[in-house]
Protein backbone atom coordinates (compact mmCIF):
# COMPACT_ATOMS: atom_id res chain seq x y z
CA MET A 1 19.92 23.86 23.94
CA ASP A 2 20.34 26.85 21.62
CA SER A 3 19.00 30.21 22.76
CA TYR A 4 18.40 33.20 20.55
CA ILE A 5 16.55 36.47 20.42
CA TYR A 6 14.77 37.73 17.35
CA ILE A 7 13.84 41.19 16.08
CA ASP A 8 11.13 41.39 13.41
CA GLY A 9 11.87 44.50 11.37
CA TRP A 10 8.28 44.84 10.15
CA LYS A 11 6.84 44.83 13.65
CA SER A 12 9.73 46.73 15.31
CA ASN A 13 9.78 49.43 12.62
CA ILE A 14 13.32 48.72 11.51
CA ARG A 15 12.60 49.59 7.91
CA PHE A 16 13.85 51.77 5.14
CA SER A 17 12.54 52.81 1.75
CA SER A 18 15.01 53.14 -1.09
CA ALA A 19 15.35 53.03 -4.85
CA HIS A 20 17.88 50.96 -6.74
CA ILE A 21 18.79 49.32 -10.03
CA ILE A 22 20.08 45.81 -10.59
CA PRO A 23 21.15 46.08 -14.24
CA GLU A 24 22.02 42.40 -14.60
CA TYR A 25 18.29 41.54 -14.54
CA GLU A 26 15.93 42.98 -17.14
CA LYS A 27 12.98 43.81 -14.87
CA CYS A 28 15.18 44.93 -11.96
CA GLY A 29 17.34 46.93 -14.38
CA ARG A 30 14.70 49.65 -14.27
CA LEU A 31 14.87 52.17 -11.46
CA HIS A 32 12.47 50.92 -8.79
CA GLY A 33 12.09 50.91 -5.05
CA HIS A 34 11.14 48.85 -2.05
CA THR A 35 10.22 49.29 1.54
CA TYR A 36 12.72 46.99 3.19
CA ALA A 37 12.52 45.45 6.66
CA VAL A 38 15.62 44.36 8.55
CA HIS A 39 15.46 41.42 10.93
CA ALA A 40 18.01 40.14 13.39
CA LYS A 41 18.49 36.83 15.13
CA VAL A 42 21.22 36.70 17.77
CA SER A 43 22.24 33.37 19.27
CA GLY A 44 24.34 32.72 22.33
CA LYS A 45 24.43 31.66 25.92
CA PRO A 46 22.37 33.89 28.21
CA ASP A 47 24.40 35.80 30.80
CA LYS A 48 23.93 35.46 34.56
CA LYS A 49 20.75 37.56 34.31
CA GLY A 50 19.39 35.28 31.59
CA ILE A 51 19.92 37.80 28.79
CA ILE A 52 21.64 37.18 25.45
CA ILE A 53 21.72 40.86 24.44
CA ASP A 54 19.59 43.86 25.37
CA PHE A 55 16.81 44.31 22.80
CA SER A 56 17.11 48.09 22.88
CA LEU A 57 20.87 48.02 22.10
CA LEU A 58 20.21 45.66 19.21
CA LYS A 59 17.38 47.76 17.78
CA ASP A 60 19.24 51.06 18.21
CA ALA A 61 22.31 49.77 16.34
CA LEU A 62 20.15 48.37 13.52
CA LYS A 63 18.25 51.64 13.22
CA GLN A 64 21.49 53.62 12.99
CA VAL A 65 22.56 51.50 10.02
CA VAL A 66 19.23 51.54 8.16
CA ASN A 67 18.61 55.26 8.75
CA LYS A 68 21.57 55.99 6.44
CA LEU A 69 19.79 54.05 3.67
CA ASP A 70 16.30 55.43 4.18
CA HIS A 71 14.81 57.51 1.36
CA ARG A 72 17.99 57.29 -0.69
CA ILE A 73 19.03 55.89 -4.02
CA LEU A 74 21.33 52.94 -3.38
CA ILE A 75 24.36 52.97 -5.66
CA PRO A 76 26.83 50.04 -5.74
CA GLU A 77 30.36 51.47 -5.95
CA LYS A 78 32.01 48.13 -6.83
CA SER A 79 29.77 47.18 -9.74
CA ASP A 80 31.36 46.08 -13.00
CA VAL A 81 28.36 47.33 -15.00
CA VAL A 82 27.42 50.56 -13.21
CA LYS A 83 29.53 53.62 -14.00
CA ILE A 84 29.45 56.46 -11.47
CA GLU A 85 30.48 60.05 -12.21
CA LYS A 86 30.23 62.55 -9.37
CA GLU A 87 30.18 66.19 -10.42
CA ASN A 88 29.40 69.17 -8.20
CA ASN A 89 26.09 68.39 -6.50
CA SER A 90 24.98 65.60 -8.80
CA VAL A 91 25.90 62.07 -9.74
CA LYS A 92 25.52 60.48 -13.14
CA VAL A 93 24.89 56.76 -13.04
CA SER A 94 25.06 54.86 -16.30
CA SER A 95 24.52 51.22 -17.00
CA LEU A 96 23.53 49.16 -20.03
CA GLU A 97 22.69 52.17 -22.22
CA LYS A 98 20.69 53.94 -19.49
CA ILE A 99 21.78 57.19 -17.88
CA TYR A 100 20.40 58.61 -14.63
CA VAL A 101 21.33 61.89 -12.99
CA PHE A 102 20.51 62.34 -9.30
CA PRO A 103 21.20 64.98 -6.67
CA ILE A 104 24.23 63.61 -4.83
CA ASN A 105 22.55 64.18 -1.44
CA ASP A 106 19.77 61.78 -2.44
CA CYS A 107 22.26 58.94 -2.95
CA VAL A 108 24.18 56.58 -0.73
CA PHE A 109 27.25 54.92 -2.21
CA LEU A 110 27.71 51.39 -0.95
CA PRO A 111 30.94 49.35 -1.10
CA ILE A 112 29.17 46.43 -2.80
CA ASP A 113 28.90 45.19 -6.38
CA SER A 114 25.10 44.98 -6.53
CA THR A 115 22.22 46.29 -4.44
CA SER A 116 20.58 42.88 -4.23
CA ALA A 117 18.89 41.88 -0.97
CA GLU A 118 21.76 39.45 -0.39
CA ASN A 119 24.40 42.16 -0.64
CA LEU A 120 22.35 44.62 1.40
CA ALA A 121 22.07 41.99 4.15
CA ARG A 122 25.86 41.55 4.16
CA TYR A 123 26.41 45.33 4.21
CA ILE A 124 23.96 45.77 7.09
CA LEU A 125 25.49 42.87 9.05
CA GLU A 126 29.02 44.28 8.71
CA ASN A 127 27.94 47.79 9.70
CA PHE A 128 25.80 46.50 12.57
CA ILE A 129 28.75 44.55 14.00
CA ALA A 130 30.95 47.65 13.72
CA LYS A 131 28.37 49.76 15.63
CA ILE A 132 27.71 47.49 18.59
CA SER A 133 29.82 46.08 21.35
CA LEU A 134 28.85 42.43 21.38
CA PRO A 135 28.96 40.44 24.59
CA LYS A 136 31.53 37.62 24.54
CA HIS A 137 28.86 34.93 24.79
CA ILE A 138 27.31 35.77 21.39
CA GLU A 139 27.80 32.82 19.05
CA LYS A 140 25.95 33.80 15.89
CA ILE A 141 24.18 36.74 14.27
CA GLU A 142 21.78 36.47 11.38
CA ILE A 143 20.55 39.53 9.51
CA GLY A 144 17.60 39.38 7.16
CA VAL A 145 16.57 41.96 4.60
CA ASP A 146 13.09 41.70 3.11
CA GLU A 147 12.16 43.54 -0.09
CA GLY A 148 8.53 43.29 0.90
CA TYR A 149 6.49 40.78 2.84
CA GLY A 150 7.54 37.21 2.20
CA GLN A 151 10.71 37.69 0.17
CA GLY A 152 14.17 38.51 1.30
CA ALA A 153 17.68 37.33 1.99
CA ARG A 154 19.47 36.19 5.14
CA ILE A 155 23.15 36.17 6.03
CA MET A 156 24.77 34.68 9.08
CA LYS A 157 28.06 35.23 10.90
CA THR A 158 29.37 32.77 13.46
CA PHE A 159 31.84 33.83 16.13
CA ASP A 160 34.57 31.44 17.25
CA LYS A 161 34.70 30.84 20.97
């Protein structure tokens, strides 16, 4: 029998609001924003106390990751179509004949090639795992990133035992 715990980002207030551009898609190629919710599902064998992982540890680690994204412009550093020029206190972002200039402190530069929900989920999963000390009995972690109610992406990592 599989056991898991689940955190609903909408209900647990694990959310962030950010702006981004996905130039490869016409509509999403315009600067726009979302209020994102981050969900987590952690599977494993409960410990002797019957606990898979402490909810508060899970939520705290998720909040640490998403707080760095909140009220920022998400910029993909590894994009083939987005050019980034940092100068003094500003950053110029150009893509497909559009040029944006932002205060550098309003931006977060992510080591991904696109700020899609799928890539944000992967980024959040990797950073979440780096922030938390996982018990040995954890078998799988799934992170979900919603770009609004009812639409989002999920990514899963399985741990070998």
